[in-house]
Amino acid sequence: MALYFSLIFALSLDTFMAALSYESNKIKIPISSNLIISFICSLFLFISLLLGNFLGTFIPDVILKWISFFILFFIGFIKVFDNRIKNFIKKRNFKGKSINFSFCNLRFILQIYSDYSCADMDKSKSLSPIEAIFLALALSIDGLSAGIAFNTSFILGLFIFLSCFIMNFGFILLSKLFNHFMNNKLDFSLLGGFIFIILAFCRL
């Protein structure tokens, strides 16, 4: 279970960082938006876990272990260089170009990934339910990939879903308290990256 809680914690750090960013920019995340973000992030992880379980039924364990290793190691490597990747996306931002806010607008989701505050589309300083969906999609990218690396049962997957939901919801609430005495430039990406790398070697 320690591996699963480490996975949930590493994924929830992204939500915590996003919430801290919103707090530092005086953007409120209402309870309704918090519930949406927590639910979508947890749902994507749950779907990914089910996919990993499905793959485990016909892929030999030896091969599956190495696939799991490379997925987790790659995510960890990317997160270690998270700031550089986000800066790369920002430099190639689509300023001056119109953005169609369709549900599957990958370009806008990438913008949110590089700068969480972009999700506040109407600049109202409050995250609406629709805006929360876009933010959740950006935050779910890692979870959608990481869950495949774990071969879990349906019941265990439900427990992980609930645990992930509670942790994400709690981290968003906790950000309101932490923002008062933490440096808003604090970046947890490096910590999350190392956790993923450790998880990768634990899968071997």
N, C-alpha and C. Protein backbone atom coordinates (compact mmCIF):
# COMPACT_ATOMS: atom_id res chain seq x y z
N MET A 1 0.81 -1.22 0.00
CA MET A 1 0.00 0.00 0.00
C MET A 1 0.85 1.27 0.00
N ALA A 2 2.07 1.14 0.52
CA ALA A 2 2.94 2.31 0.58
C ALA A 2 3.22 2.85 -0.81
N LEU A 3 3.34 1.95 -1.80
CA LEU A 3 3.60 2.37 -3.18
C LEU A 3 2.44 3.19 -3.71
N TYR A 4 1.22 2.75 -3.41
CA TYR A 4 0.05 3.45 -3.92
C TYR A 4 -0.13 4.81 -3.26
N PHE A 5 0.12 4.88 -1.96
CA PHE A 5 0.01 6.17 -1.28
C PHE A 5 1.11 7.13 -1.76
N SER A 6 2.29 6.60 -2.07
CA SER A 6 3.36 7.43 -2.63
C SER A 6 2.95 7.97 -3.99
N LEU A 7 2.31 7.11 -4.80
CA LEU A 7 1.83 7.53 -6.11
C LEU A 7 0.78 8.64 -5.97
N ILE A 8 -0.18 8.44 -5.08
CA ILE A 8 -1.24 9.43 -4.87
C ILE A 8 -0.64 10.75 -4.38
N PHE A 9 0.30 10.66 -3.45
CA PHE A 9 0.93 11.86 -2.90
C PHE A 9 1.68 12.63 -3.99
N ALA A 10 2.44 11.90 -4.81
CA ALA A 10 3.22 12.55 -5.88
C ALA A 10 2.29 13.24 -6.88
N LEU A 11 1.18 12.60 -7.22
CA LEU A 11 0.24 13.19 -8.16
C LEU A 11 -0.48 14.39 -7.55
N SER A 12 -0.79 14.29 -6.26
CA SER A 12 -1.53 15.36 -5.58
C SER A 12 -0.68 16.60 -5.37
N LEU A 13 0.64 16.45 -5.43
CA LEU A 13 1.51 17.61 -5.28
C LEU A 13 1.27 18.62 -6.40
N ASP A 14 0.93 18.13 -7.60
CA ASP A 14 0.62 19.03 -8.70
C ASP A 14 -0.61 19.87 -8.37
N THR A 15 -1.62 19.22 -7.80
CA THR A 15 -2.84 19.94 -7.41
C THR A 15 -2.52 20.97 -6.34
N PHE A 16 -1.67 20.59 -5.39
CA PHE A 16 -1.28 21.49 -4.31
C PHE A 16 -0.55 22.71 -4.86
N MET A 17 0.37 22.48 -5.82
CA MET A 17 1.10 23.59 -6.43
C MET A 17 0.16 24.52 -7.19
N ALA A 18 -0.81 23.92 -7.91
CA ALA A 18 -1.78 24.73 -8.64
C ALA A 18 -2.60 25.58 -7.68
N ALA A 19 -3.05 24.97 -6.59
CA ALA A 19 -3.86 25.69 -5.60
C ALA A 19 -3.06 26.82 -4.95
N LEU A 20 -1.77 26.56 -4.66
CA LEU A 20 -0.91 27.61 -4.10
C LEU A 20 -0.75 28.77 -5.08
N SER A 21 -0.62 28.41 -6.36
CA SER A 21 -0.51 29.44 -7.39
C SER A 21 -1.76 30.31 -7.43
N TYR A 22 -2.91 29.69 -7.31
CA TYR A 22 -4.16 30.43 -7.30
C TYR A 22 -4.27 31.31 -6.06
N GLU A 23 -3.87 30.78 -4.92
CA GLU A 23 -3.93 31.57 -3.69
C GLU A 23 -3.01 32.79 -3.78
N SER A 24 -1.81 32.59 -4.33
CA SER A 24 -0.86 33.70 -4.43
C SER A 24 -1.34 34.77 -5.40
N ASN A 25 -2.18 34.36 -6.38
CA ASN A 25 -2.74 35.31 -7.35
C ASN A 25 -4.13 35.79 -6.95
N LYS A 26 -4.53 35.49 -5.69
CA LYS A 26 -5.82 35.92 -5.14
C LYS A 26 -7.01 35.40 -5.96
N ILE A 27 -6.85 34.18 -6.48
CA ILE A 27 -7.94 33.55 -7.22
C ILE A 27 -8.55 32.47 -6.33
N LYS A 28 -9.85 32.58 -6.10
CA LYS A 28 -10.52 31.65 -5.21
C LYS A 28 -10.91 30.36 -5.93
N ILE A 29 -10.83 29.25 -5.19
CA ILE A 29 -11.31 27.97 -5.70
C ILE A 29 -12.48 27.56 -4.82
N PRO A 30 -13.71 27.80 -5.28
CA PRO A 30 -14.90 27.43 -4.47
C PRO A 30 -14.95 25.93 -4.23
N ILE A 31 -15.73 25.54 -3.24
CA ILE A 31 -15.88 24.12 -2.90
C ILE A 31 -16.35 23.31 -4.11
N SER A 32 -17.29 23.87 -4.88
CA SER A 32 -17.80 23.15 -6.05
C SER A 32 -16.70 22.87 -7.06
N SER A 33 -15.82 23.84 -7.28
CA SER A 33 -14.71 23.66 -8.22
C SER A 33 -13.67 22.70 -7.64
N ASN A 34 -13.48 22.78 -6.32
CA ASN A 34 -12.57 21.84 -5.64
C ASN A 34 -13.05 20.41 -5.85
N LEU A 35 -14.35 20.19 -5.69
CA LEU A 35 -14.92 18.85 -5.88
C LEU A 35 -14.73 18.36 -7.31
N ILE A 36 -14.90 19.25 -8.28
CA ILE A 36 -14.74 18.88 -9.69
C ILE A 36 -13.29 18.49 -9.99
N ILE A 37 -12.36 19.32 -9.53
CA ILE A 37 -10.93 19.04 -9.76
C ILE A 37 -10.53 17.71 -9.12
N SER A 38 -10.91 17.53 -7.87
CA SER A 38 -10.56 16.30 -7.15
C SER A 38 -11.17 15.08 -7.82
N PHE A 39 -12.41 15.20 -8.25
CA PHE A 39 -13.10 14.07 -8.88
C PHE A 39 -12.45 13.69 -10.22
N ILE A 40 -12.21 14.67 -11.07
CA ILE A 40 -11.65 14.39 -12.40
C ILE A 40 -10.24 13.82 -12.30
N CYS A 41 -9.41 14.41 -11.44
CA CYS A 41 -8.04 13.89 -11.26
C CYS A 41 -8.07 12.45 -10.77
N SER A 42 -8.95 12.16 -9.83
CA SER A 42 -9.08 10.81 -9.29
C SER A 42 -9.65 9.85 -10.32
N LEU A 43 -10.61 10.32 -11.10
CA LEU A 43 -11.25 9.48 -12.12
C LEU A 43 -10.25 9.08 -13.20
N PHE A 44 -9.43 10.02 -13.64
CA PHE A 44 -8.43 9.70 -14.66
C PHE A 44 -7.42 8.68 -14.15
N LEU A 45 -7.03 8.81 -12.89
CA LEU A 45 -6.11 7.84 -12.30
C LEU A 45 -6.78 6.47 -12.23
N PHE A 46 -8.06 6.44 -11.84
CA PHE A 46 -8.80 5.19 -11.74
C PHE A 46 -8.92 4.51 -13.10
N ILE A 47 -9.23 5.27 -14.14
CA ILE A 47 -9.32 4.73 -15.50
C ILE A 47 -7.98 4.17 -15.93
N SER A 48 -6.92 4.90 -15.60
CA SER A 48 -5.57 4.45 -15.95
C SER A 48 -5.21 3.16 -15.22
N LEU A 49 -5.62 3.04 -13.96
CA LEU A 49 -5.37 1.81 -13.20
C LEU A 49 -6.11 0.62 -13.81
N LEU A 50 -7.34 0.84 -14.24
CA LEU A 50 -8.11 -0.22 -14.89
C LEU A 50 -7.45 -0.65 -16.20
N LEU A 51 -6.91 0.33 -16.93
CA LEU A 51 -6.22 0.01 -18.17
C LEU A 51 -4.96 -0.80 -17.90
N GLY A 52 -4.24 -0.43 -16.81
CA GLY A 52 -3.06 -1.19 -16.42
C GLY A 52 -3.42 -2.61 -16.03
N ASN A 53 -4.55 -2.77 -15.35
CA ASN A 53 -5.04 -4.09 -14.96
C ASN A 53 -5.40 -4.92 -16.20
N PHE A 54 -6.01 -4.27 -17.19
CA PHE A 54 -6.37 -4.95 -18.44
C PHE A 54 -5.13 -5.42 -19.19
N LEU A 55 -4.13 -4.55 -19.27
CA LEU A 55 -2.89 -4.92 -19.96
C LEU A 55 -2.19 -6.08 -19.27
N GLY A 56 -2.34 -6.13 -17.93
CA GLY A 56 -1.68 -7.19 -17.17
C GLY A 56 -2.25 -8.57 -17.42
N THR A 57 -3.43 -8.64 -18.04
CA THR A 57 -4.04 -9.95 -18.29
C THR A 57 -3.42 -10.68 -19.47
N PHE A 58 -2.76 -9.95 -20.36
CA PHE A 58 -2.18 -10.63 -21.51
C PHE A 58 -0.72 -10.25 -21.80
N ILE A 59 -0.14 -9.40 -20.96
CA ILE A 59 1.29 -9.07 -21.09
C ILE A 59 2.05 -9.79 -19.98
N PRO A 60 3.09 -10.55 -20.32
CA PRO A 60 3.88 -11.27 -19.30
C PRO A 60 4.38 -10.33 -18.21
N ASP A 61 4.46 -10.84 -16.99
CA ASP A 61 4.87 -10.02 -15.85
C ASP A 61 6.24 -9.37 -16.04
N VAL A 62 7.16 -10.11 -16.63
CA VAL A 62 8.51 -9.57 -16.82
C VAL A 62 8.48 -8.34 -17.72
N ILE A 63 7.75 -8.43 -18.80
CA ILE A 63 7.63 -7.30 -19.73
C ILE A 63 6.86 -6.15 -19.09
N LEU A 64 5.80 -6.49 -18.36
CA LEU A 64 4.97 -5.47 -17.71
C LEU A 64 5.75 -4.68 -16.68
N LYS A 65 6.65 -5.36 -15.97
CA LYS A 65 7.48 -4.67 -14.98
C LYS A 65 8.36 -3.62 -15.63
N TRP A 66 8.95 -3.99 -16.78
CA TRP A 66 9.82 -3.04 -17.47
C TRP A 66 9.03 -1.89 -18.08
N ILE A 67 7.83 -2.19 -18.58
CA ILE A 67 6.96 -1.13 -19.08
C ILE A 67 6.61 -0.16 -17.95
N SER A 68 6.27 -0.72 -16.79
CA SER A 68 5.96 0.09 -15.62
C SER A 68 7.16 0.95 -15.23
N PHE A 69 8.33 0.35 -15.24
CA PHE A 69 9.55 1.08 -14.88
C PHE A 69 9.76 2.28 -15.79
N PHE A 70 9.67 2.07 -17.09
CA PHE A 70 9.94 3.14 -18.04
C PHE A 70 8.88 4.25 -17.98
N ILE A 71 7.61 3.87 -17.75
CA ILE A 71 6.56 4.88 -17.63
C ILE A 71 6.80 5.78 -16.42
N LEU A 72 7.04 5.16 -15.26
CA LEU A 72 7.25 5.93 -14.03
C LEU A 72 8.55 6.72 -14.08
N PHE A 73 9.60 6.11 -14.62
CA PHE A 73 10.89 6.81 -14.71
C PHE A 73 10.78 8.01 -15.64
N PHE A 74 10.07 7.82 -16.75
CA PHE A 74 9.90 8.92 -17.71
C PHE A 74 9.13 10.08 -17.07
N ILE A 75 8.04 9.76 -16.35
CA ILE A 75 7.27 10.82 -15.68
C ILE A 75 8.14 11.54 -14.65
N GLY A 76 8.91 10.75 -13.89
CA GLY A 76 9.80 11.35 -12.89
C GLY A 76 10.84 12.25 -13.53
N PHE A 77 11.43 11.80 -14.63
CA PHE A 77 12.44 12.58 -15.35
C PHE A 77 11.84 13.89 -15.86
N ILE A 78 10.64 13.80 -16.42
CA ILE A 78 9.96 14.99 -16.94
C ILE A 78 9.68 15.98 -15.80
N LYS A 79 9.24 15.46 -14.65
CA LYS A 79 8.89 16.34 -13.54
C LYS A 79 10.11 17.00 -12.93
N VAL A 80 11.26 16.32 -12.97
CA VAL A 80 12.49 16.93 -12.47
C VAL A 80 12.82 18.19 -13.27
N PHE A 81 12.51 18.15 -14.58
CA PHE A 81 12.76 19.29 -15.44
C PHE A 81 11.47 20.05 -15.76
N ASP A 82 10.53 19.99 -14.83
CA ASP A 82 9.20 20.56 -15.03
C ASP A 82 9.24 22.05 -15.36
N ASN A 83 10.06 22.80 -14.65
CA ASN A 83 10.12 24.24 -14.86
C ASN A 83 10.61 24.59 -16.26
N ARG A 84 11.62 23.85 -16.72
CA ARG A 84 12.16 24.11 -18.06
C ARG A 84 11.12 23.78 -19.14
N ILE A 85 10.38 22.70 -18.92
CA ILE A 85 9.34 22.32 -19.88
C ILE A 85 8.25 23.38 -19.93
N LYS A 86 7.83 23.86 -18.76
CA LYS A 86 6.79 24.89 -18.72
C LYS A 86 7.27 26.19 -19.36
N ASN A 87 8.53 26.53 -19.13
CA ASN A 87 9.08 27.74 -19.77
C ASN A 87 9.13 27.58 -21.28
N PHE A 88 9.43 26.36 -21.73
CA PHE A 88 9.45 26.06 -23.17
C PHE A 88 8.07 26.27 -23.77
N ILE A 89 7.03 25.79 -23.07
CA ILE A 89 5.65 25.95 -23.55
C ILE A 89 5.25 27.42 -23.54
N LYS A 90 5.66 28.15 -22.48
CA LYS A 90 5.32 29.56 -22.39
C LYS A 90 5.93 30.36 -23.54
N LYS A 91 7.19 30.04 -23.91
CA LYS A 91 7.86 30.77 -24.98
C LYS A 91 7.17 30.55 -26.32
N ARG A 92 6.50 29.40 -26.43
CA ARG A 92 5.77 29.09 -27.65
C ARG A 92 4.28 29.23 -27.44
N ASN A 93 3.96 30.16 -26.52
CA ASN A 93 2.55 30.39 -26.21
C ASN A 93 1.84 30.97 -27.42
N PHE A 94 0.51 30.94 -27.37
CA PHE A 94 -0.26 31.34 -28.54
C PHE A 94 -0.83 32.74 -28.35
N LYS A 95 0.03 33.64 -27.92
CA LYS A 95 -0.41 35.02 -27.71
C LYS A 95 -0.80 35.64 -29.06
N GLY A 96 -1.88 36.38 -29.02
CA GLY A 96 -2.32 37.02 -30.23
C GLY A 96 -3.17 36.12 -31.10
N LYS A 97 -3.27 34.86 -30.76
CA LYS A 97 -4.08 33.93 -31.54
C LYS A 97 -5.37 33.65 -30.79
N SER A 98 -6.45 33.52 -31.53
CA SER A 98 -7.72 33.22 -30.88
C SER A 98 -7.72 31.79 -30.40
N ILE A 99 -8.41 31.56 -29.27
CA ILE A 99 -8.49 30.22 -28.69
C ILE A 99 -9.95 29.81 -28.61
N ASN A 100 -10.29 28.71 -29.22
CA ASN A 100 -11.63 28.17 -29.13
C ASN A 100 -11.70 27.25 -27.94
N PHE A 101 -12.51 27.59 -26.93
CA PHE A 101 -12.52 26.85 -25.69
C PHE A 101 -13.40 25.61 -25.78
N SER A 102 -13.04 24.70 -26.66
CA SER A 102 -13.75 23.43 -26.75
C SER A 102 -13.24 22.50 -25.66
N PHE A 103 -14.04 21.48 -25.31
CA PHE A 103 -13.71 20.58 -24.20
C PHE A 103 -12.38 19.89 -24.42
N CYS A 104 -12.04 19.60 -25.68
CA CYS A 104 -10.82 18.84 -25.97
C CYS A 104 -9.74 19.74 -26.55
N ASN A 105 -9.73 21.01 -26.20
CA ASN A 105 -8.76 21.94 -26.73
C ASN A 105 -7.41 21.71 -26.07
N LEU A 106 -6.58 20.91 -26.72
CA LEU A 106 -5.29 20.53 -26.16
C LEU A 106 -4.39 21.74 -26.00
N ARG A 107 -4.48 22.67 -26.93
CA ARG A 107 -3.62 23.85 -26.87
C ARG A 107 -3.87 24.64 -25.60
N PHE A 108 -5.14 24.83 -25.26
CA PHE A 108 -5.48 25.56 -24.04
C PHE A 108 -5.06 24.79 -22.80
N ILE A 109 -5.22 23.46 -22.83
CA ILE A 109 -4.81 22.63 -21.70
C ILE A 109 -3.30 22.75 -21.47
N LEU A 110 -2.53 22.81 -22.56
CA LEU A 110 -1.08 22.98 -22.44
C LEU A 110 -0.75 24.35 -21.86
N GLN A 111 -1.54 25.36 -22.22
CA GLN A 111 -1.34 26.68 -21.65
C GLN A 111 -1.55 26.64 -20.13
N ILE A 112 -2.58 25.96 -19.70
CA ILE A 112 -2.85 25.84 -18.27
C ILE A 112 -1.72 25.08 -17.59
N TYR A 113 -1.22 24.03 -18.26
CA TYR A 113 -0.12 23.25 -17.69
C TYR A 113 1.10 24.13 -17.44
N SER A 114 1.36 25.05 -18.35
CA SER A 114 2.53 25.93 -18.21
C SER A 114 2.29 27.08 -17.24
N ASP A 115 1.02 27.48 -17.10
CA ASP A 115 0.67 28.57 -16.18
C ASP A 115 -0.74 28.31 -15.66
N TYR A 116 -0.84 27.80 -14.43
CA TYR A 116 -2.14 27.40 -13.88
C TYR A 116 -3.16 28.52 -13.87
N SER A 117 -2.71 29.77 -13.71
CA SER A 117 -3.64 30.89 -13.62
C SER A 117 -4.41 31.12 -14.91
N CYS A 118 -3.94 30.53 -16.03
CA CYS A 118 -4.64 30.68 -17.31
C CYS A 118 -6.04 30.08 -17.28
N ALA A 119 -6.28 29.18 -16.34
CA ALA A 119 -7.60 28.54 -16.26
C ALA A 119 -8.68 29.55 -15.88
N ASP A 120 -8.29 30.64 -15.23
CA ASP A 120 -9.26 31.68 -14.89
C ASP A 120 -9.52 32.53 -16.13
N MET A 121 -10.30 31.99 -17.06
CA MET A 121 -10.48 32.59 -18.38
C MET A 121 -11.12 33.97 -18.33
N ASP A 122 -12.09 34.15 -17.46
CA ASP A 122 -12.81 35.42 -17.42
C ASP A 122 -12.20 36.43 -16.45
N LYS A 123 -11.04 36.07 -15.87
CA LYS A 123 -10.33 36.97 -14.95
C LYS A 123 -11.21 37.44 -13.79
N SER A 124 -12.09 36.57 -13.36
CA SER A 124 -13.03 36.93 -12.29
C SER A 124 -12.44 36.74 -10.90
N LYS A 125 -11.22 36.18 -10.84
CA LYS A 125 -10.57 35.87 -9.57
C LYS A 125 -11.32 34.79 -8.78
N SER A 126 -12.10 34.00 -9.51
CA SER A 126 -12.78 32.85 -8.92
C SER A 126 -12.91 31.77 -9.99
N LEU A 127 -12.55 30.56 -9.63
CA LEU A 127 -12.54 29.47 -10.61
C LEU A 127 -13.93 28.87 -10.74
N SER A 128 -14.54 29.04 -11.90
CA SER A 128 -15.87 28.51 -12.13
C SER A 128 -15.79 26.99 -12.38
N PRO A 129 -16.92 26.28 -12.32
CA PRO A 129 -16.91 24.84 -12.59
C PRO A 129 -16.34 24.48 -13.96
N ILE A 130 -16.67 25.26 -15.00
CA ILE A 130 -16.14 24.99 -16.34
C ILE A 130 -14.63 25.18 -16.36
N GLU A 131 -14.15 26.24 -15.74
CA GLU A 131 -12.71 26.50 -15.67
C GLU A 131 -12.02 25.42 -14.86
N ALA A 132 -12.70 24.91 -13.84
CA ALA A 132 -12.14 23.84 -13.01
C ALA A 132 -11.93 22.57 -13.83
N ILE A 133 -12.82 22.32 -14.80
CA ILE A 133 -12.68 21.14 -15.65
C ILE A 133 -11.38 21.22 -16.46
N PHE A 134 -11.11 22.39 -17.05
CA PHE A 134 -9.89 22.56 -17.83
C PHE A 134 -8.64 22.40 -16.96
N LEU A 135 -8.69 22.98 -15.77
CA LEU A 135 -7.55 22.85 -14.86
C LEU A 135 -7.35 21.39 -14.48
N ALA A 136 -8.44 20.68 -14.20
CA ALA A 136 -8.35 19.27 -13.82
C ALA A 136 -7.77 18.42 -14.95
N LEU A 137 -8.14 18.73 -16.18
CA LEU A 137 -7.60 17.98 -17.32
C LEU A 137 -6.08 18.17 -17.43
N ALA A 138 -5.63 19.40 -17.19
CA ALA A 138 -4.19 19.66 -17.22
C ALA A 138 -3.47 18.94 -16.09
N LEU A 139 -4.11 18.88 -14.92
CA LEU A 139 -3.50 18.22 -13.77
C LEU A 139 -3.56 16.70 -13.87
N SER A 140 -4.41 16.17 -14.74
CA SER A 140 -4.62 14.72 -14.84
C SER A 140 -3.66 14.03 -15.79
N ILE A 141 -2.84 14.79 -16.49
CA ILE A 141 -1.95 14.20 -17.50
C ILE A 141 -1.04 13.14 -16.90
N ASP A 142 -0.41 13.46 -15.79
CA ASP A 142 0.51 12.50 -15.15
C ASP A 142 -0.23 11.27 -14.64
N GLY A 143 -1.39 11.48 -14.02
CA GLY A 143 -2.16 10.37 -13.47
C GLY A 143 -2.63 9.41 -14.53
N LEU A 144 -2.99 9.95 -15.68
CA LEU A 144 -3.47 9.11 -16.78
C LEU A 144 -2.35 8.21 -17.30
N SER A 145 -1.13 8.66 -17.18
CA SER A 145 0.02 7.86 -17.61
C SER A 145 0.51 6.93 -16.50
N ALA A 146 0.57 7.45 -15.28
CA ALA A 146 1.18 6.69 -14.18
C ALA A 146 0.38 5.46 -13.79
N GLY A 147 -0.94 5.56 -13.82
CA GLY A 147 -1.77 4.44 -13.38
C GLY A 147 -1.56 3.17 -14.19
N ILE A 148 -1.18 3.32 -15.45
CA ILE A 148 -0.96 2.17 -16.32
C ILE A 148 0.16 1.28 -15.78
N ALA A 149 1.07 1.89 -15.03
CA ALA A 149 2.23 1.16 -14.52
C ALA A 149 1.88 0.25 -13.35
N PHE A 150 0.62 0.31 -12.87
CA PHE A 150 0.23 -0.48 -11.71
C PHE A 150 -0.88 -1.46 -12.08
N ASN A 151 -0.68 -2.71 -11.75
CA ASN A 151 -1.67 -3.75 -12.01
C ASN A 151 -2.48 -3.96 -10.73
N THR A 152 -3.67 -3.38 -10.67
CA THR A 152 -4.48 -3.42 -9.45
C THR A 152 -5.83 -4.05 -9.71
N SER A 153 -6.46 -4.52 -8.65
CA SER A 153 -7.82 -5.05 -8.76
C SER A 153 -8.82 -3.89 -8.80
N PHE A 154 -10.05 -4.19 -9.18
CA PHE A 154 -11.09 -3.17 -9.26
C PHE A 154 -11.37 -2.58 -7.88
N ILE A 155 -11.44 -3.42 -6.86
CA ILE A 155 -11.71 -2.95 -5.49
C ILE A 155 -10.59 -2.05 -5.00
N LEU A 156 -9.35 -2.47 -5.23
CA LEU A 156 -8.22 -1.64 -4.82
C LEU A 156 -8.21 -0.33 -5.60
N GLY A 157 -8.60 -0.40 -6.88
CA GLY A 157 -8.68 0.80 -7.69
C GLY A 157 -9.68 1.80 -7.13
N LEU A 158 -10.82 1.30 -6.63
CA LEU A 158 -11.82 2.17 -6.01
C LEU A 158 -11.27 2.83 -4.75
N PHE A 159 -10.52 2.05 -3.97
CA PHE A 159 -9.91 2.60 -2.75
C PHE A 159 -8.91 3.70 -3.12
N ILE A 160 -8.12 3.47 -4.16
CA ILE A 160 -7.14 4.46 -4.61
C ILE A 160 -7.87 5.71 -5.12
N PHE A 161 -8.97 5.49 -5.84
CA PHE A 161 -9.78 6.62 -6.32
C PHE A 161 -10.24 7.49 -5.16
N LEU A 162 -10.80 6.84 -4.13
CA LEU A 162 -11.30 7.58 -2.97
C LEU A 162 -10.16 8.29 -2.24
N SER A 163 -9.03 7.60 -2.08
CA SER A 163 -7.89 8.20 -1.39
C SER A 163 -7.35 9.40 -2.16
N CYS A 164 -7.29 9.26 -3.48
CA CYS A 164 -6.80 10.35 -4.33
C CYS A 164 -7.76 11.54 -4.25
N PHE A 165 -9.04 11.26 -4.25
CA PHE A 165 -10.04 12.33 -4.16
C PHE A 165 -9.89 13.10 -2.85
N ILE A 166 -9.76 12.38 -1.75
CA ILE A 166 -9.63 13.02 -0.43
C ILE A 166 -8.35 13.84 -0.35
N MET A 167 -7.24 13.29 -0.88
CA MET A 167 -5.96 13.99 -0.78
C MET A 167 -5.97 15.25 -1.64
N ASN A 168 -6.51 15.16 -2.85
CA ASN A 168 -6.58 16.35 -3.71
C ASN A 168 -7.46 17.42 -3.08
N PHE A 169 -8.63 17.00 -2.60
CA PHE A 169 -9.55 17.93 -1.96
C PHE A 169 -8.90 18.59 -0.75
N GLY A 170 -8.21 17.79 0.06
CA GLY A 170 -7.55 18.32 1.25
C GLY A 170 -6.41 19.26 0.93
N PHE A 171 -5.63 18.93 -0.10
CA PHE A 171 -4.50 19.78 -0.48
C PHE A 171 -4.98 21.16 -0.96
N ILE A 172 -6.10 21.18 -1.70
CA ILE A 172 -6.63 22.46 -2.16
C ILE A 172 -7.07 23.31 -0.96
N LEU A 173 -7.72 22.69 0.01
CA LEU A 173 -8.10 23.41 1.22
C LEU A 173 -6.87 23.86 2.00
N LEU A 174 -5.88 22.98 2.08
CA LEU A 174 -4.66 23.26 2.84
C LEU A 174 -3.86 24.42 2.24
N SER A 175 -3.99 24.60 0.92
CA SER A 175 -3.25 25.66 0.26
C SER A 175 -3.63 27.04 0.80
N LYS A 176 -4.87 27.19 1.23
CA LYS A 176 -5.32 28.47 1.78
C LYS A 176 -4.54 28.81 3.05
N LEU A 177 -4.23 27.79 3.85
CA LEU A 177 -3.47 27.99 5.08
C LEU A 177 -1.99 28.18 4.78
N PHE A 178 -1.43 27.33 3.92
CA PHE A 178 0.00 27.36 3.63
C PHE A 178 0.42 28.64 2.93
N ASN A 179 -0.48 29.21 2.14
CA ASN A 179 -0.11 30.39 1.37
C ASN A 179 0.27 31.57 2.26
N HIS A 180 -0.19 31.58 3.50
CA HIS A 180 0.09 32.69 4.40
C HIS A 180 1.54 32.71 4.90
N PHE A 181 2.18 31.55 4.92
CA PHE A 181 3.54 31.54 5.45
C PHE A 181 4.54 30.78 4.58
N MET A 182 4.13 30.37 3.37
CA MET A 182 5.05 29.71 2.46
C MET A 182 5.40 30.64 1.31
N ASN A 183 6.61 30.48 0.79
CA ASN A 183 7.03 31.22 -0.39
C ASN A 183 6.20 30.74 -1.57
N ASN A 184 5.50 31.62 -2.25
CA ASN A 184 4.64 31.19 -3.35
C ASN A 184 5.43 30.72 -4.57
N LYS A 185 6.75 30.86 -4.52
CA LYS A 185 7.60 30.36 -5.60
C LYS A 185 8.07 28.94 -5.32
N LEU A 186 7.68 28.40 -4.19
CA LEU A 186 8.11 27.05 -3.81
C LEU A 186 7.60 26.05 -4.84
N ASP A 187 8.51 25.19 -5.31
CA ASP A 187 8.17 24.23 -6.37
C ASP A 187 8.37 22.81 -5.85
N PHE A 188 7.31 22.01 -5.90
CA PHE A 188 7.37 20.64 -5.44
C PHE A 188 7.62 19.65 -6.57
N SER A 189 7.86 20.15 -7.77
CA SER A 189 8.04 19.27 -8.92
C SER A 189 9.22 18.33 -8.72
N LEU A 190 10.30 18.87 -8.17
CA LEU A 190 11.50 18.05 -7.97
C LEU A 190 11.21 16.90 -7.02
N LEU A 191 10.49 17.18 -5.92
CA LEU A 191 10.12 16.14 -4.97
C LEU A 191 9.25 15.09 -5.64
N GLY A 192 8.25 15.54 -6.39
CA GLY A 192 7.38 14.61 -7.10
C GLY A 192 8.14 13.77 -8.09
N GLY A 193 9.10 14.39 -8.79
CA GLY A 193 9.91 13.67 -9.77
C GLY A 193 10.72 12.55 -9.12
N PHE A 194 11.34 12.85 -7.99
CA PHE A 194 12.15 11.84 -7.30
C PHE A 194 11.26 10.69 -6.78
N ILE A 195 10.05 11.03 -6.33
CA ILE A 195 9.14 9.98 -5.87
C ILE A 195 8.80 9.03 -7.01
N PHE A 196 8.53 9.59 -8.19
CA PHE A 196 8.22 8.75 -9.34
C PHE A 196 9.41 7.87 -9.74
N ILE A 197 10.60 8.42 -9.68
CA ILE A 197 11.79 7.65 -10.03
C ILE A 197 11.99 6.50 -9.04
N ILE A 198 11.78 6.79 -7.75
CA ILE A 198 11.88 5.72 -6.74
C ILE A 198 10.81 4.65 -6.98
N LEU A 199 9.58 5.09 -7.31
CA LEU A 199 8.51 4.15 -7.62
C LEU A 199 8.88 3.29 -8.82
N ALA A 200 9.56 3.88 -9.79
CA ALA A 200 9.96 3.14 -10.98
C ALA A 200 10.87 1.96 -10.60
N PHE A 201 11.83 2.21 -9.74
CA PHE A 201 12.75 1.13 -9.34
C PHE A 201 12.05 0.13 -8.43
N CYS A 202 11.05 0.58 -7.70
CA CYS A 202 10.28 -0.34 -6.86
C CYS A 202 9.44 -1.32 -7.68
N ARG A 203 9.15 -0.96 -8.93
CA ARG A 203 8.34 -1.82 -9.78
C ARG A 203 9.15 -2.97 -10.37
N LEU A 204 10.48 -2.89 -10.30
CA LEU A 204 11.33 -3.95 -10.87
C LEU A 204 11.37 -5.16 -9.95
